[in-house]
Amino acid sequence: MIAARLHEFGGVPVVEEVADPVVADGESLVAVEAAAVAHIDVTVAGGEFAFRPELPHVPGTDGAGRIVRSSELAEGTPVRVRGGEVGLTRDGTWAELVCVPDESLDAVPEGLDMALVATFFSPCVTGWIAIHEVGRVAAGERVAVIGAAGAVGRVATQLALRAGAMVVGVEPDGERAADIASGAEARRSLDGVEVDVLVDTAGGEGLQSRLESVRPSGRAVLIGYAAGTTATLDLPAFLARDVALLPVNLIRWNDRMRERAVELLELVCSGELECAVSRYALDDAAKALADVAAGRARGRAVLIPSRKERT
């Protein structure tokens, strides 16, 4: 098969021919039709993940395809791949074939866009948890989404609008303003804005100033730290405003995420919830990884392996 493999941490993936994977008990072989390229893949490729995989390594924690061989599912069943250490401590989905634990598979309906199946989960369930479970956004509230043109930010914006909130979509990069979901007020900063709920995908040292835009007794939902992993707070000012700073811990919400996945996939594939996808050929894995690392990919990036007849 053809796969994109890392031969050194911090290097670029090399697309090459390798032996087909060998399936063990409790595993299934999947013909990959779409493989997500995510920030976790950037972390693994850079050698910054908590556990380094053995090299050479095939990245890719999320994907979609069809069953080639399995004791659990019929041949040809369309499936979503996620979990079971796929792409982390074991080879992932950036290949024509991937061998995965049976528990990392979810069957999906026929006829869906596999690129959406491979990429919807992380931004959609993260956005759902941020808006509905952690932020508890209510109709009539004013919500600001920082990084509203990003994959998670765009979904969070749409979900807040669907909940009946008034949404301010903040994207400092003016060129990306067009990617903010329709219905939101697009802005480059929160200057002069006061909101009930702040949904922050940026983190970093700018968090302090953004918290000042939250009304007293409001909520600030922290999703990520794209702008930096540390933040300094003026504690007297923070305490005086009485703003709840709420982290989105996806490990804690894992069961709830899986419960909502089917509903969210249906919304995405019906077009009711837009999840932007940038498609790359498997041969362009290095470019896709670089684009994700630099924030150049629109929405989620996905690799599309070439299809070959297999016996």
Protein backbone atom coordinates (compact mmCIF):
# COMPACT_ATOMS: atom_id res chain seq x y z
CA MET A 1 0.00 0.00 0.00
CA ILE A 2 0.92 3.68 -0.15
CA ALA A 3 1.32 5.55 3.15
CA ALA A 4 2.66 8.86 4.43
CA ARG A 5 5.21 8.06 7.15
CA LEU A 6 7.35 10.02 9.56
CA HIS A 7 10.98 8.93 9.69
CA GLU A 8 12.10 11.60 12.17
CA PHE A 9 10.32 13.88 14.61
CA GLY A 10 10.21 17.41 13.31
CA GLY A 11 10.64 16.17 9.74
CA VAL A 12 8.11 15.94 6.94
CA PRO A 13 6.03 12.85 6.14
CA VAL A 14 7.34 10.76 3.24
CA VAL A 15 4.82 9.17 0.89
CA GLU A 16 6.08 5.68 0.05
CA GLU A 17 5.07 2.10 -0.64
CA VAL A 18 4.97 -0.11 2.45
CA ALA A 19 3.69 -3.57 3.34
CA ASP A 20 -0.02 -3.95 3.97
CA PRO A 21 -0.85 -4.09 7.70
CA VAL A 22 -1.41 -7.47 9.36
CA VAL A 23 -4.73 -7.86 11.18
CA ALA A 24 -4.77 -9.47 14.63
CA ASP A 25 -7.68 -10.72 16.74
CA GLY A 26 -9.92 -7.85 17.84
CA GLU A 27 -8.86 -5.69 14.90
CA SER A 28 -10.32 -4.70 11.54
CA LEU A 29 -8.74 -3.71 8.24
CA VAL A 30 -10.16 -0.55 6.68
CA ALA A 31 -9.67 0.86 3.17
CA VAL A 32 -9.20 4.55 3.89
CA GLU A 33 -11.22 6.99 1.79
CA ALA A 34 -10.46 10.12 3.83
CA ALA A 35 -7.97 10.86 6.62
CA ALA A 36 -8.08 13.97 8.79
CA VAL A 37 -5.02 16.16 9.37
CA ALA A 38 -5.38 17.79 12.79
CA HIS A 39 -3.37 19.77 15.31
CA ILE A 40 -2.78 16.57 17.28
CA ASP A 41 -0.98 15.24 14.18
CA VAL A 42 1.24 18.33 14.22
CA THR A 43 2.04 17.60 17.87
CA VAL A 44 2.86 13.95 17.17
CA ALA A 45 4.96 14.79 14.10
CA GLY A 46 6.96 17.30 16.10
CA GLY A 47 7.75 14.74 18.79
CA GLU A 48 5.80 16.79 21.35
CA PHE A 49 3.10 14.24 22.15
CA ALA A 50 3.24 12.74 25.64
CA PHE A 51 4.18 9.33 24.23
CA ARG A 52 6.34 9.18 21.14
CA PRO A 53 5.39 6.46 18.65
CA GLU A 54 8.04 4.19 17.21
CA LEU A 55 9.47 5.39 13.90
CA PRO A 56 8.72 5.14 11.05
CA HIS A 57 5.17 6.10 11.96
CA VAL A 58 1.97 6.69 9.97
CA PRO A 59 0.06 9.65 11.52
CA GLY A 60 -3.67 10.23 11.42
CA THR A 61 -6.01 9.92 14.41
CA ASP A 62 -9.28 10.28 12.47
CA GLY A 63 -10.46 8.80 9.22
CA ALA A 64 -13.26 7.19 7.25
CA GLY A 65 -13.43 4.30 4.84
CA ARG A 66 -14.84 0.83 4.25
CA ILE A 67 -14.27 -2.49 5.94
CA VAL A 68 -11.95 -4.85 4.05
CA ARG A 69 -11.79 -7.53 6.74
CA SER A 70 -13.39 -7.70 10.19
CA SER A 71 -14.99 -10.17 12.57
CA GLU A 72 -17.39 -7.46 13.75
CA LEU A 73 -18.61 -5.73 10.59
CA ALA A 74 -19.45 -6.88 7.08
CA GLU A 75 -17.06 -6.24 4.20
CA GLY A 76 -17.83 -2.92 2.53
CA THR A 77 -19.46 -1.33 5.61
CA PRO A 78 -18.70 2.41 5.69
CA VAL A 79 -17.07 3.37 9.00
CA ARG A 80 -15.59 6.24 10.96
CA VAL A 81 -12.20 5.61 12.61
CA ARG A 82 -11.24 7.31 15.87
CA GLY A 83 -9.66 6.21 19.16
CA GLY A 84 -7.82 3.09 20.20
CA GLU A 85 -4.46 4.95 20.02
CA VAL A 86 -4.78 5.07 16.21
CA GLY A 87 -2.30 7.62 14.89
CA LEU A 88 -0.74 8.05 18.32
CA THR A 89 1.08 4.98 19.59
CA ARG A 90 0.08 2.86 16.57
CA ASP A 91 -0.04 3.61 12.85
CA GLY A 92 -2.86 5.87 11.75
CA THR A 93 -5.07 6.72 8.80
CA TRP A 94 -2.63 8.47 6.43
CA ALA A 95 -2.51 5.40 4.22
CA GLU A 96 -4.54 3.40 1.75
CA LEU A 97 -5.17 0.78 4.44
CA VAL A 98 -5.24 0.97 8.22
CA CYS A 99 -5.50 -1.77 10.83
CA VAL A 100 -7.49 -0.58 13.86
CA PRO A 101 -8.97 -2.00 17.09
CA ASP A 102 -12.63 -2.91 16.63
CA GLU A 103 -13.65 -0.47 19.37
CA SER A 104 -12.28 2.46 17.35
CA LEU A 105 -14.88 1.91 14.60
CA ASP A 106 -18.37 3.34 14.22
CA ALA A 107 -20.51 2.29 11.27
CA VAL A 108 -22.04 5.22 9.36
CA PRO A 109 -24.87 5.40 6.82
CA GLU A 110 -24.23 4.84 3.13
CA GLY A 111 -23.89 7.78 0.78
CA LEU A 112 -22.18 10.26 3.11
CA ASP A 113 -19.25 12.47 2.09
CA MET A 114 -16.35 10.55 3.65
CA ALA A 115 -14.26 13.71 3.96
CA LEU A 116 -16.93 15.10 6.30
CA VAL A 117 -17.22 11.79 8.16
CA ALA A 118 -13.45 11.85 8.76
CA THR A 119 -13.28 15.45 9.96
CA PHE A 120 -16.56 16.48 11.59
CA PHE A 121 -16.07 14.92 15.02
CA SER A 122 -13.48 17.14 16.69
CA PRO A 123 -14.81 20.59 15.68
CA CYS A 124 -18.48 19.67 15.95
CA VAL A 125 -18.53 17.89 19.28
CA THR A 126 -16.07 20.42 20.76
CA GLY A 127 -18.33 23.24 19.62
CA TRP A 128 -21.40 21.47 21.00
CA ILE A 129 -19.83 20.87 24.41
CA ALA A 130 -18.58 24.47 24.57
CA ILE A 131 -21.93 26.03 23.68
CA HIS A 132 -24.45 23.70 25.31
CA GLU A 133 -22.77 21.78 28.11
CA VAL A 134 -20.09 24.14 29.45
CA GLY A 135 -21.26 27.56 28.29
CA ARG A 136 -24.99 26.79 28.62
CA VAL A 137 -25.80 29.47 26.07
CA ALA A 138 -29.43 30.61 26.19
CA ALA A 139 -31.63 32.34 23.64
CA GLY A 140 -31.25 36.12 23.70
CA GLU A 141 -27.74 36.10 25.19
CA ARG A 142 -24.87 37.84 23.45
CA VAL A 143 -21.96 35.52 22.70
CA ALA A 144 -18.47 36.32 21.39
CA VAL A 145 -16.50 33.59 19.62
CA ILE A 146 -12.75 34.23 19.38
CA GLY A 147 -11.22 32.59 16.32
CA ALA A 148 -14.64 32.41 14.66
CA ALA A 149 -13.17 31.56 11.24
CA GLY A 150 -11.37 28.48 12.55
CA ALA A 151 -12.82 24.97 12.38
CA VAL A 152 -14.07 24.87 15.98
CA GLY A 153 -14.92 28.57 16.13
CA ARG A 154 -17.06 28.39 13.00
CA VAL A 155 -19.06 25.47 14.35
CA ALA A 156 -19.44 27.10 17.78
CA THR A 157 -20.73 30.25 16.08
CA GLN A 158 -23.35 28.30 14.16
CA LEU A 159 -24.46 26.36 17.23
CA ALA A 160 -24.81 29.55 19.28
CA LEU A 161 -26.91 31.09 16.50
CA ARG A 162 -29.08 27.95 16.39
CA ALA A 163 -29.58 28.33 20.16
CA GLY A 164 -31.04 31.80 19.58
CA ALA A 165 -28.04 33.83 20.75
CA MET A 166 -26.71 37.02 19.21
CA VAL A 167 -23.16 36.21 18.12
CA VAL A 168 -20.08 38.36 17.61
CA GLY A 169 -17.52 36.46 15.55
CA VAL A 170 -14.00 37.76 16.22
CA GLU A 171 -11.22 37.03 13.75
CA PRO A 172 -8.09 39.23 13.99
CA ASP A 173 -7.02 38.17 10.49
CA GLY A 174 -9.15 40.36 8.25
CA GLU A 175 -8.60 38.09 5.26
CA ARG A 176 -10.41 35.29 7.09
CA ALA A 177 -13.45 37.36 8.04
CA ALA A 178 -15.37 35.93 5.09
CA ASP A 179 -15.17 32.49 6.76
CA ILE A 180 -17.17 33.62 9.79
CA ALA A 181 -20.59 31.96 9.72
CA SER A 182 -23.45 33.94 8.24
CA GLY A 183 -25.67 35.55 10.85
CA ALA A 184 -22.82 36.59 13.17
CA GLU A 185 -21.46 40.10 13.51
CA ALA A 186 -17.91 39.92 12.17
CA ARG A 187 -15.29 41.93 14.05
CA ARG A 188 -11.50 41.99 14.33
CA SER A 189 -11.49 42.63 18.10
CA LEU A 190 -13.79 42.92 21.11
CA ASP A 191 -13.07 46.62 21.62
CA GLY A 192 -16.24 48.30 22.88
CA VAL A 193 -18.19 45.03 23.03
CA GLU A 194 -19.85 43.53 26.11
CA VAL A 195 -21.09 39.94 26.07
CA ASP A 196 -22.74 37.40 28.32
CA VAL A 197 -20.58 34.51 27.15
CA LEU A 198 -17.05 34.46 25.75
CA VAL A 199 -16.04 31.36 23.76
CA ASP A 200 -12.27 31.55 23.45
CA THR A 201 -10.21 29.32 21.16
CA ALA A 202 -7.06 31.48 21.45
CA GLY A 203 -5.91 31.55 25.07
CA GLY A 204 -2.51 33.20 25.54
CA GLU A 205 -1.74 36.50 27.19
CA GLY A 206 -4.62 38.24 25.41
CA LEU A 207 -7.13 36.31 27.51
CA GLN A 208 -7.02 38.94 30.29
CA SER A 209 -8.18 41.75 28.01
CA ARG A 210 -10.89 39.60 26.43
CA LEU A 211 -12.28 38.69 29.86
CA GLU A 212 -12.88 42.40 30.43
CA SER A 213 -15.54 42.26 27.70
CA VAL A 214 -17.61 39.75 29.67
CA ARG A 215 -20.43 41.21 31.75
CA PRO A 216 -20.23 40.71 35.53
CA SER A 217 -21.46 37.21 36.43
CA GLY A 218 -20.97 36.13 32.83
CA ARG A 219 -19.12 33.04 31.56
CA ALA A 220 -15.88 32.60 29.68
CA VAL A 221 -15.49 29.20 27.98
CA LEU A 222 -11.87 28.33 27.19
CA ILE A 223 -11.52 25.81 24.35
CA GLY A 224 -7.89 26.07 23.31
CA TYR A 225 -4.63 27.98 23.35
CA ALA A 226 -3.76 28.69 19.72
CA ALA A 227 -2.30 32.06 20.77
CA GLY A 228 -0.21 30.68 23.62
CA THR A 229 -0.22 28.15 26.44
CA THR A 230 0.06 30.63 29.31
CA ALA A 231 -2.02 33.60 30.48
CA THR A 232 -1.54 36.12 33.27
CA LEU A 233 -4.64 37.36 35.08
CA ASP A 234 -5.09 40.53 37.11
CA LEU A 235 -6.73 38.70 40.00
CA PRO A 236 -8.30 41.74 41.75
CA ALA A 237 -9.93 42.79 38.46
CA PHE A 238 -10.93 39.22 37.65
CA LEU A 239 -12.51 38.67 41.06
CA ALA A 240 -14.29 42.02 40.93
CA ARG A 241 -15.95 41.16 37.63
CA ASP A 242 -17.09 37.76 38.99
CA VAL A 243 -16.69 36.01 35.63
CA ALA A 244 -16.71 32.21 35.59
CA LEU A 245 -13.72 30.85 33.64
CA LEU A 246 -14.76 27.43 32.37
CA PRO A 247 -12.39 24.99 30.63
CA VAL A 248 -13.59 22.56 27.99
CA ASN A 249 -12.04 19.27 29.12
CA LEU A 250 -12.89 16.85 26.31
CA ILE A 251 -11.72 13.81 28.29
CA ARG A 252 -14.36 14.52 30.90
CA TRP A 253 -17.04 14.92 28.23
CA ASN A 254 -16.03 11.91 26.13
CA ASP A 255 -19.23 9.89 26.67
CA ARG A 256 -21.44 12.91 25.96
CA MET A 257 -19.45 13.63 22.80
CA ARG A 258 -20.07 10.15 21.43
CA GLU A 259 -23.77 10.47 22.24
CA ARG A 260 -24.02 13.65 20.17
CA ALA A 261 -21.83 12.48 17.30
CA VAL A 262 -24.59 10.86 15.20
CA GLU A 263 -26.89 13.87 15.49
CA LEU A 264 -24.09 16.28 14.58
CA LEU A 265 -22.94 14.15 11.63
CA GLU A 266 -26.50 14.22 10.29
CA LEU A 267 -26.59 18.01 10.58
CA VAL A 268 -23.24 18.32 8.79
CA CYS A 269 -24.10 15.96 5.94
CA SER A 270 -27.52 17.57 5.44
CA GLY A 271 -25.89 21.01 5.18
CA GLU A 272 -27.68 22.38 8.26
CA LEU A 273 -24.32 22.71 10.00
CA GLU A 274 -21.37 23.70 7.85
CA CYS A 275 -18.00 22.14 8.59
CA ALA A 276 -15.47 23.48 6.08
CA VAL A 277 -12.99 20.99 4.64
CA SER A 278 -9.75 21.52 2.70
CA ARG A 279 -8.97 18.42 0.62
CA TYR A 280 -5.46 17.23 -0.25
CA ALA A 281 -4.18 14.21 -2.11
CA LEU A 282 -2.27 11.72 0.04
CA ASP A 283 0.84 12.67 -1.97
CA ASP A 284 0.48 16.18 -0.50
CA ALA A 285 0.57 15.07 3.14
CA ALA A 286 3.58 17.25 3.91
CA LYS A 287 1.83 20.35 2.54
CA ALA A 288 -1.36 19.55 4.44
CA LEU A 289 0.56 19.15 7.70
CA ALA A 290 2.40 22.44 7.13
CA ASP A 291 -0.84 24.26 6.29
CA VAL A 292 -2.52 23.00 9.47
CA ALA A 293 0.49 23.98 11.58
CA ALA A 294 0.50 27.49 10.07
CA GLY A 295 -3.28 27.96 10.22
CA ARG A 296 -3.59 28.20 6.43
CA ALA A 297 -6.08 25.38 5.92
CA ARG A 298 -9.71 26.47 5.68
CA GLY A 299 -11.62 24.44 8.23
CA ARG A 300 -10.38 20.88 8.67
CA ALA A 301 -7.75 19.42 6.36
CA VAL A 302 -8.25 15.93 4.94
CA LEU A 303 -6.12 13.58 2.85
CA ILE A 304 -7.77 11.59 0.07
CA PRO A 305 -5.86 8.39 -0.80
CA SER A 306 -6.08 7.10 -4.36
CA ARG A 307 -8.48 4.22 -4.75
CA LYS A 308 -7.24 0.87 -5.97
CA GLU A 309 -8.96 -2.42 -6.59
CA ARG A 310 -7.93 -4.94 -3.92
CA THR A 311 -8.54 -8.63 -3.56
